[in-house]
Amino acid sequence: MSRRIRLPVFALAVALAACDRPAPTANEETAPLPSVVSPNARSAIERAAMDRLARRLARALADPAFRQSIKNEIDRSPFREHKLQLQSLLKASNRSVLKDLARLNGEPEAALQTEVDGAIPLEFYFPVPAHRAAWSGGSDVLVASARHDHDTPVAYDVSGRRQVLSPDSPPATPVLALVPVETDFSGSPDNVATMVCLECTGGGGGGGGTSGPPPGLYMTYSHFVQDFEGWFKGDPEYEVHILGQSGTTDSLKDYQCSGGAASGYYHFDQNSLDWTGSVLLFTQAQLNNYKTAHPNQNFRIVALEDDDTGCVIKLDAARFKNAITIIQTQYPNLTGTKDTTSSTLLKYVKRANALQKILQAVYSFITTHDDLIGNALEDVVVGQTYPGANWIIKGENNLTNGWIKLGMR
């Protein structure tokens, strides 16, 4: 599973003018979901269901034949980190795995099916590569679940005994993780999603056409000082978002995402602290559309380490605003980005003023999930330089969380 850098939204300032609490055991009945529940209450309900499924899976792994069948499925998975989508696995081959799971847990198949149908989409894999390499299919394995990054994983051995794992470091025993889906199992094994451009009317999204990459804003290098991801979530999943003015308000909305869940020229997959390549962040056509709709308003480029749903921002709006306010206090009116044209007709990405600091109301109820890495500022503004980079990523409390290379083409 992608080790996902806990990125407090990497609010790359490119202003172009343009939930762990102990869960019930598997023996408890599934509580009916109220018609209206708070995000925290819903998260707790989902977490409890994951815990029950993890215990069932662990107990079934006491059976040598079931262990071997699961090992075979993991070994031949074509997806990154050999991930399996749990619900799909249980439904495959006339629900043979689900039938075995019910039989080995001594419960009716219909009851298990109801539990599975009511759970959120889940994926199943070894988040630690060394665990996957070491596990030969024996009973030396744990099944653990956690709802959010850096939650404390709750694990079960093959006898169903419960134990709490460290959120900071993995145990010696191989751990199979049961976590919310963050992989695109509907597309190719390369995990390239089909939906990329969030708002590119008249502007062209990704996708390799015969005419080559479109003109626009590109990132060619990035470095982060940490991965912002707990061991239980596998590899980090960095994303860069273009945030601009929402209508005529003082709020920001998400205009474009680039990352592992994006496709075409917007796709890039960074699994270590350093990355080099070429990824499109915003086309010139998108930029022109933004300028027309929002005269004299620049935008921010925000990067984050995504925790659950690719290319969907889930941040604490108040925390985001506080982080941007502190950064802007240090570097007033220079935390955004715009494109300019020099006397030699070369395009440059320059610092600019971005007034909006508030995420749209749709994000305001989110208090966990994605991590904010920081806001990008031009190196001459910050007074710091790093080889190969021209923008500095400033996070919460004005900490330097990384540096990147941006440019217009």
Protein backbone atom coordinates (compact mmCIF):
# COMPACT_ATOMS: atom_id res chain seq x y z
CA MET A 1 0.00 0.00 0.00
CA SER A 2 1.34 3.37 -0.84
CA ARG A 3 3.16 4.79 1.97
CA ARG A 4 1.46 8.06 2.10
CA ILE A 5 3.34 11.04 3.30
CA ARG A 6 1.39 12.72 5.93
CA LEU A 7 1.15 15.91 3.92
CA PRO A 8 -0.48 18.79 5.69
CA VAL A 9 -1.85 20.14 2.36
CA PHE A 10 1.10 21.15 0.31
CA ALA A 11 -0.38 24.53 -0.43
CA LEU A 12 2.09 25.37 -3.18
CA ALA A 13 1.41 29.00 -3.65
CA VAL A 14 1.11 29.22 -7.33
CA ALA A 15 -1.32 32.07 -7.78
CA LEU A 16 -1.58 32.24 -11.53
CA ALA A 17 -3.75 35.05 -12.68
CA ALA A 18 -5.94 32.81 -13.90
CA CYS A 19 -11.00 9.49 12.97
CA ASP A 20 -8.14 5.74 16.60
CA ARG A 21 -10.48 4.74 19.25
CA PRO A 22 -10.88 1.14 20.45
CA ALA A 23 -13.40 -0.65 18.28
CA PRO A 24 -15.97 -3.27 19.27
CA THR A 25 -15.04 -6.90 18.79
CA ALA A 26 -16.39 -9.10 16.04
CA ASN A 27 -18.96 -10.63 18.36
CA GLU A 28 -20.93 -7.40 18.61
CA GLU A 29 -23.89 -6.73 16.39
CA THR A 30 -23.66 -4.09 13.69
CA ALA A 31 -25.31 -0.94 15.03
CA PRO A 32 -27.95 0.57 12.76
CA LEU A 33 -26.68 3.70 11.05
CA PRO A 34 -28.80 6.74 11.93
CA SER A 35 -30.19 8.72 9.02
CA VAL A 36 -28.13 11.74 10.12
CA VAL A 37 -24.83 11.26 11.93
CA SER A 38 -21.86 13.48 12.62
CA PRO A 39 -18.60 12.80 10.75
CA ASN A 40 -16.99 11.54 13.96
CA ALA A 41 -19.89 9.20 14.72
CA ARG A 42 -19.89 7.86 11.16
CA SER A 43 -16.14 7.30 11.31
CA ALA A 44 -16.53 5.33 14.55
CA ILE A 45 -19.23 3.12 13.00
CA GLU A 46 -17.08 2.47 9.93
CA ARG A 47 -14.07 1.75 12.14
CA ALA A 48 -16.01 -0.81 14.16
CA ALA A 49 -17.11 -2.63 10.99
CA MET A 50 -13.49 -2.75 9.77
CA ASP A 51 -12.43 -4.22 13.12
CA ARG A 52 -15.00 -6.99 12.88
CA LEU A 53 -13.95 -7.88 9.34
CA ALA A 54 -10.27 -7.89 10.32
CA ARG A 55 -10.99 -10.36 13.12
CA ARG A 56 -12.93 -12.64 10.79
CA LEU A 57 -10.11 -12.61 8.25
CA ALA A 58 -7.51 -13.33 10.91
CA ARG A 59 -9.47 -16.29 12.32
CA ALA A 60 -9.98 -17.72 8.85
CA LEU A 61 -6.22 -17.56 8.27
CA ALA A 62 -5.84 -20.29 10.90
CA ASP A 63 -6.84 -22.63 8.07
CA PRO A 64 -3.79 -23.57 5.92
CA ALA A 65 -5.80 -23.83 2.70
CA PHE A 66 -7.38 -20.40 3.23
CA ARG A 67 -3.96 -18.88 4.00
CA GLN A 68 -2.54 -20.29 0.79
CA SER A 69 -5.44 -18.99 -1.27
CA ILE A 70 -4.99 -15.49 0.15
CA LYS A 71 -1.23 -15.62 -0.44
CA ASN A 72 -1.83 -16.66 -4.04
CA GLU A 73 -4.24 -13.75 -4.57
CA ILE A 74 -1.77 -11.25 -3.10
CA ASP A 75 1.16 -12.62 -5.10
CA ARG A 76 -0.65 -12.32 -8.41
CA SER A 77 -2.29 -8.95 -7.79
CA PRO A 78 -1.25 -6.60 -10.62
CA PHE A 79 -1.83 -3.48 -8.55
CA ARG A 80 0.80 -1.48 -6.76
CA GLU A 81 1.97 -3.07 -3.52
CA HIS A 82 0.00 -6.18 -4.55
CA LYS A 83 -3.19 -4.73 -3.14
CA LEU A 84 -6.55 -6.50 -3.21
CA GLN A 85 -9.97 -4.85 -3.10
CA LEU A 86 -11.69 -6.74 -0.30
CA GLN A 87 -15.30 -6.62 -1.50
CA SER A 88 -14.28 -7.68 -5.02
CA LEU A 89 -12.18 -10.53 -3.66
CA LEU A 90 -15.10 -11.83 -1.59
CA LYS A 91 -17.50 -11.67 -4.54
CA ALA A 92 -15.19 -13.31 -7.09
CA SER A 93 -15.57 -16.91 -8.29
CA ASN A 94 -19.16 -17.27 -7.14
CA ARG A 95 -18.28 -15.78 -3.73
CA SER A 96 -15.98 -18.70 -2.90
CA VAL A 97 -13.76 -16.64 -0.56
CA LEU A 98 -16.80 -15.19 1.23
CA LYS A 99 -18.22 -18.69 1.68
CA ASP A 100 -14.93 -19.92 3.13
CA LEU A 101 -14.73 -16.88 5.41
CA ALA A 102 -18.25 -17.54 6.76
CA ARG A 103 -17.62 -21.26 7.21
CA LEU A 104 -14.30 -20.78 9.02
CA ASN A 105 -15.92 -18.27 11.38
CA GLY A 106 -18.97 -20.47 12.01
CA GLU A 107 -21.54 -17.92 10.92
CA PRO A 108 -24.26 -17.78 8.26
CA GLU A 109 -23.11 -16.64 4.85
CA ALA A 110 -26.03 -14.21 4.59
CA ALA A 111 -25.02 -12.45 7.81
CA LEU A 112 -21.46 -12.01 6.60
CA GLN A 113 -22.69 -10.76 3.25
CA THR A 114 -24.79 -8.11 5.00
CA GLU A 115 -21.74 -6.99 6.99
CA VAL A 116 -19.58 -6.77 3.87
CA ASP A 117 -22.24 -4.89 1.91
CA GLY A 118 -22.57 -2.33 4.69
CA ALA A 119 -18.84 -1.65 5.00
CA ILE A 120 -17.02 1.14 3.19
CA PRO A 121 -14.84 0.04 0.24
CA LEU A 122 -11.72 -1.57 1.69
CA GLU A 123 -8.36 -2.75 0.41
CA PHE A 124 -6.20 -5.51 1.81
CA TYR A 125 -2.41 -5.83 1.57
CA PHE A 126 1.01 -5.83 3.26
CA PRO A 127 1.96 -2.15 3.80
CA VAL A 128 5.53 -3.17 4.71
CA PRO A 129 7.31 -4.71 1.67
CA ALA A 130 9.60 -6.76 3.93
CA HIS A 131 6.54 -8.38 5.52
CA ARG A 132 5.19 -9.44 2.14
CA ALA A 133 8.57 -10.85 1.17
CA ALA A 134 8.95 -12.73 4.45
CA TRP A 135 5.48 -14.28 4.66
CA SER A 136 5.52 -17.78 3.21
CA GLY A 137 1.87 -18.50 3.95
CA GLY A 138 2.31 -19.65 7.55
CA SER A 139 0.27 -18.78 10.62
CA ASP A 140 2.77 -16.09 11.63
CA VAL A 141 0.58 -13.24 10.41
CA LEU A 142 -1.64 -10.52 11.87
CA VAL A 143 -4.65 -8.80 10.32
CA ALA A 144 -5.02 -5.18 11.42
CA SER A 145 -7.25 -2.24 10.59
CA ALA A 146 -7.08 1.55 10.98
CA ARG A 147 -9.48 4.16 9.64
CA HIS A 148 -7.08 7.10 9.19
CA ASP A 149 -3.37 7.65 8.77
CA HIS A 150 -1.54 7.57 12.12
CA ASP A 151 -4.50 5.93 13.86
CA THR A 152 -3.41 3.15 16.21
CA PRO A 153 -3.86 -0.14 14.32
CA VAL A 154 -5.90 -2.83 16.06
CA ALA A 155 -4.72 -6.31 15.08
CA TYR A 156 -5.76 -9.95 15.48
CA ASP A 157 -3.76 -13.14 15.25
CA VAL A 158 -5.11 -16.35 13.71
CA SER A 159 -6.69 -17.38 17.00
CA GLY A 160 -8.67 -14.11 17.13
CA ARG A 161 -6.68 -12.57 19.97
CA ARG A 162 -6.73 -8.78 19.86
CA GLN A 163 -3.66 -6.58 20.20
CA VAL A 164 -2.88 -2.92 19.69
CA LEU A 165 0.06 -2.06 17.44
CA SER A 166 2.31 0.97 17.47
CA PRO A 167 1.25 3.65 14.96
CA ASP A 168 4.91 4.64 14.59
CA SER A 169 6.71 1.40 13.78
CA PRO A 170 5.63 -2.05 12.52
CA PRO A 171 6.01 -5.24 14.56
CA ALA A 172 8.29 -8.09 13.51
CA THR A 173 5.29 -10.28 12.67
CA PRO A 174 3.94 -9.69 9.12
CA VAL A 175 0.83 -7.51 9.14
CA LEU A 176 -1.96 -7.59 6.58
CA ALA A 177 -3.66 -4.19 6.63
CA LEU A 178 -7.36 -3.61 6.09
CA VAL A 179 -7.84 0.07 5.20
CA PRO A 180 -10.16 2.33 3.18
CA VAL A 181 -9.63 2.08 -0.56
CA GLU A 182 -7.21 4.57 -2.05
CA THR A 183 -6.34 2.58 -5.18
CA ASP A 184 -8.21 2.77 -8.48
CA PHE A 185 -9.11 -0.90 -8.95
CA SER A 186 -11.46 -0.11 -11.83
CA GLY A 187 -8.71 0.99 -14.22
CA SER A 188 -5.29 -0.28 -15.15
CA PRO A 189 -2.90 -1.81 -12.62
CA ASP A 190 -0.87 1.38 -12.87
CA ASN A 191 -3.56 3.02 -10.74
CA VAL A 192 -4.33 5.80 -13.18
CA ALA A 193 -7.80 7.14 -12.58
CA THR A 194 -9.97 8.37 -15.40
CA MET A 195 -11.21 11.55 -13.72
CA VAL A 196 -8.51 14.17 -13.60
CA CYS A 197 -9.58 17.64 -14.55
CA LEU A 198 -11.88 19.07 -11.91
CA GLU A 199 -12.65 22.26 -13.80
CA CYS A 200 -11.04 22.64 -17.21
CA THR A 201 -13.88 23.88 -19.40
CA GLY A 202 -12.32 24.87 -22.67
CA GLY A 203 -8.98 24.04 -21.19
CA GLY A 204 -7.86 20.56 -21.86
CA GLY A 205 -7.10 17.99 -19.25
CA GLY A 206 -4.44 15.36 -19.24
CA GLY A 207 -4.16 12.60 -21.71
CA GLY A 208 -1.50 11.87 -24.24
CA GLY A 209 -2.61 13.32 -27.54
CA THR A 210 -0.60 13.27 -30.73
CA SER A 211 0.18 16.96 -30.43
CA GLY A 212 2.25 16.45 -27.26
CA PRO A 213 2.01 18.07 -23.83
CA PRO A 214 -0.12 21.24 -23.78
CA PRO A 215 1.38 24.60 -22.77
CA GLY A 216 0.93 25.47 -19.13
CA LEU A 217 2.46 25.29 -15.66
CA TYR A 218 4.69 22.26 -14.99
CA MET A 219 6.57 20.83 -12.02
CA THR A 220 9.83 19.05 -12.86
CA TYR A 221 11.36 18.41 -9.44
CA SER A 222 10.16 18.04 -5.86
CA HIS A 223 11.73 17.24 -2.52
CA PHE A 224 10.00 16.84 0.83
CA VAL A 225 11.71 16.75 4.20
CA GLN A 226 9.59 13.82 5.42
CA ASP A 227 7.04 11.43 4.00
CA PHE A 228 4.14 12.48 6.24
CA GLU A 229 2.87 8.87 6.16
CA GLY A 230 2.52 6.26 8.86
CA TRP A 231 3.90 2.77 8.20
CA PHE A 232 0.39 1.31 8.16
CA LYS A 233 -0.59 3.33 5.09
CA GLY A 234 2.25 2.15 2.88
CA ASP A 235 3.89 4.46 0.34
CA PRO A 236 3.12 8.19 0.45
CA GLU A 237 0.69 9.66 -2.05
CA TYR A 238 1.59 13.23 -2.88
CA GLU A 239 -0.80 15.49 -4.73
CA VAL A 240 -0.60 19.05 -5.99
CA HIS A 241 -3.82 21.06 -6.18
CA ILE A 242 -4.55 24.39 -7.83
CA LEU A 243 -6.76 26.37 -5.45
CA GLY A 244 -8.40 29.55 -6.71
CA GLN A 245 -11.18 31.95 -5.89
CA SER A 246 -14.63 30.44 -5.50
CA GLY A 247 -17.04 32.71 -7.36
CA THR A 248 -16.67 36.21 -5.96
CA THR A 249 -16.16 35.06 -2.36
CA ASP A 250 -13.15 35.11 -0.06
CA SER A 251 -12.98 31.31 -0.25
CA LEU A 252 -10.90 28.87 -2.27
CA LYS A 253 -12.06 26.00 -4.44
CA ASP A 254 -10.14 23.16 -6.06
CA TYR A 255 -9.58 23.72 -9.79
CA GLN A 256 -7.12 20.95 -10.68
CA CYS A 257 -5.33 17.99 -9.14
CA SER A 258 -2.05 16.37 -10.15
CA GLY A 259 -0.90 13.14 -8.52
CA GLY A 260 -1.16 9.37 -8.53
CA ALA A 261 -4.94 9.38 -8.90
CA ALA A 262 -4.78 11.74 -11.88
CA SER A 263 -4.23 10.65 -15.47
CA GLY A 264 -2.49 11.84 -18.59
CA TYR A 265 -0.06 14.71 -18.18
CA TYR A 266 -1.42 15.36 -14.67
CA HIS A 267 -0.22 11.97 -13.40
CA PHE A 268 2.87 11.56 -11.26
CA ASP A 269 3.70 9.09 -8.52
CA GLN A 270 6.28 10.12 -5.91
CA ASN A 271 7.10 7.37 -3.42
CA SER A 272 10.31 8.77 -1.93
CA LEU A 273 11.48 12.15 -0.69
CA ASP A 274 12.80 13.16 -4.13
CA TRP A 275 11.10 13.13 -7.52
CA THR A 276 12.16 14.32 -10.98
CA GLY A 277 10.12 14.25 -14.17
CA SER A 278 7.50 16.44 -15.77
CA VAL A 279 3.95 16.81 -14.53
CA LEU A 280 1.32 19.28 -15.70
CA LEU A 281 -0.30 21.33 -12.95
CA PHE A 282 -2.49 23.75 -14.95
CA THR A 283 -2.82 24.28 -18.71
CA GLN A 284 -2.48 27.70 -20.28
CA ALA A 285 -6.09 27.37 -21.41
CA GLN A 286 -7.21 26.67 -17.84
CA LEU A 287 -5.20 29.65 -16.71
CA ASN A 288 -6.79 31.88 -19.34
CA ASN A 289 -10.26 30.72 -18.29
CA TYR A 290 -9.45 31.47 -14.67
CA LYS A 291 -8.19 34.95 -15.55
CA THR A 292 -11.38 35.69 -17.46
CA ALA A 293 -13.64 34.49 -14.66
CA HIS A 294 -11.54 36.01 -11.84
CA PRO A 295 -9.78 39.18 -13.06
CA ASN A 296 -6.82 40.20 -10.88
CA GLN A 297 -7.21 37.12 -8.68
CA ASN A 298 -4.24 34.78 -8.40
CA PHE A 299 -4.31 31.25 -7.10
CA ARG A 300 -2.45 28.96 -4.76
CA ILE A 301 -0.86 25.65 -5.57
CA VAL A 302 -1.47 23.29 -2.69
CA ALA A 303 0.22 19.97 -2.19
CA LEU A 304 -0.94 17.33 0.21
CA GLU A 305 -0.39 13.77 1.18
CA ASP A 306 -3.69 12.12 0.40
CA ASP A 307 -5.07 9.63 2.88
CA ASP A 308 -8.20 8.08 1.45
CA THR A 309 -9.77 9.39 -1.74
CA GLY A 310 -7.41 10.36 -4.55
CA CYS A 311 -7.65 13.95 -5.81
CA VAL A 312 -10.31 14.85 -3.23
CA ILE A 313 -9.19 17.32 -0.56
CA LYS A 314 -10.12 16.41 3.00
CA LEU A 315 -8.67 19.00 5.34
CA ASP A 316 -9.48 20.86 8.49
CA ALA A 317 -10.54 24.23 7.06
CA ALA A 318 -9.66 26.18 10.22
CA ARG A 319 -6.24 24.59 10.43
CA PHE A 320 -5.62 25.38 6.78
CA LYS A 321 -6.59 29.02 7.25
CA ASN A 322 -4.34 29.36 10.30
CA ALA A 323 -1.37 27.91 8.43
CA ILE A 324 -1.83 30.26 5.46
CA THR A 325 -2.36 33.26 7.74
CA ILE A 326 0.94 32.64 9.55
CA ILE A 327 2.80 32.22 6.27
CA GLN A 328 1.27 35.34 4.81
CA THR A 329 2.22 37.30 7.93
CA GLN A 330 5.84 36.36 7.27
CA TYR A 331 5.67 37.04 3.53
CA PRO A 332 2.83 39.54 3.00
CA ASN A 333 1.17 39.58 -0.41
CA LEU A 334 3.68 37.15 -1.92
CA THR A 335 2.17 33.73 -1.33
CA GLY A 336 0.41 33.24 -4.64
CA THR A 337 1.49 32.78 -8.24
CA LYS A 338 0.83 34.20 -11.67
CA ASP A 339 2.36 33.88 -15.11
CA THR A 340 4.16 36.81 -16.70
CA THR A 341 5.78 37.51 -20.04
CA SER A 342 9.28 38.96 -20.25
CA SER A 343 10.65 41.22 -22.97
CA THR A 344 12.00 38.13 -24.70
CA LEU A 345 8.51 36.61 -24.75
CA LEU A 346 9.53 33.82 -22.35
CA LYS A 347 6.95 32.73 -19.79
CA TYR A 348 7.84 32.83 -16.11
CA VAL A 349 5.95 31.82 -13.00
CA LYS A 350 6.18 34.71 -10.58
CA ARG A 351 5.14 35.45 -7.02
CA ALA A 352 1.89 37.31 -6.57
CA ASN A 353 -0.75 38.15 -4.00
CA ALA A 354 -3.39 35.53 -3.22
CA LEU A 355 -6.03 36.91 -0.90
CA GLN A 356 -8.17 33.81 -0.33
CA LYS A 357 -7.26 31.69 2.69
CA ILE A 358 -10.51 29.85 3.44
CA LEU A 359 -11.39 26.48 1.96
CA GLN A 360 -14.91 26.09 0.60
CA ALA A 361 -17.60 25.16 3.12
CA VAL A 362 -17.66 21.61 1.73
CA TYR A 363 -14.36 21.01 3.51
CA SER A 364 -15.20 22.76 6.76
CA PHE A 365 -16.45 19.68 8.61
CA ILE A 366 -13.30 17.68 7.89
CA THR A 367 -10.91 17.47 10.83
CA THR A 368 -8.68 14.57 9.77
CA HIS A 369 -7.50 12.68 6.68
CA ASP A 370 -5.16 14.58 4.33
CA ASP A 371 -1.99 16.27 5.53
CA LEU A 372 -1.08 19.81 4.54
CA ILE A 373 2.54 20.05 3.43
CA GLY A 374 2.66 23.76 2.78
CA ASN A 375 2.29 26.79 0.56
CA ALA A 376 4.82 27.34 -2.23
CA LEU A 377 6.68 30.62 -2.27
CA GLU A 378 9.34 31.79 -4.70
CA ASP A 379 12.83 31.22 -3.31
CA VAL A 380 13.77 34.92 -3.59
CA VAL A 381 10.83 35.75 -1.32
CA VAL A 382 11.79 33.21 1.34
CA GLY A 383 15.50 33.91 1.08
CA GLN A 384 16.37 30.23 0.78
CA THR A 385 17.82 28.39 -2.19
CA TYR A 386 18.20 24.71 -2.96
CA PRO A 387 19.88 23.13 -6.01
CA GLY A 388 17.42 22.41 -8.81
CA ALA A 389 14.50 24.20 -7.13
CA ASN A 390 12.97 27.67 -7.40
CA TRP A 391 9.99 27.49 -5.00
CA ILE A 392 10.00 26.68 -1.29
CA ILE A 393 7.17 24.79 0.44
CA LYS A 394 6.19 26.42 3.71
CA GLY A 395 3.91 24.48 6.06
CA GLU A 396 2.32 25.06 9.42
CA ASN A 397 4.22 27.42 11.74
CA ASN A 398 6.20 28.58 8.71
CA LEU A 399 8.26 25.37 8.64
CA THR A 400 10.10 24.53 5.44
CA ASN A 401 8.62 21.19 4.33
CA GLY A 402 10.13 20.96 0.88
CA TRP A 403 11.22 22.66 -2.34
CA ILE A 404 10.17 22.26 -5.96
CA LYS A 405 10.92 23.43 -9.50
CA LEU A 406 8.06 25.18 -11.33
CA GLY A 407 7.99 26.66 -14.78
CA MET A 408 5.75 27.67 -17.68
CA ARG A 409 6.03 25.96 -21.06
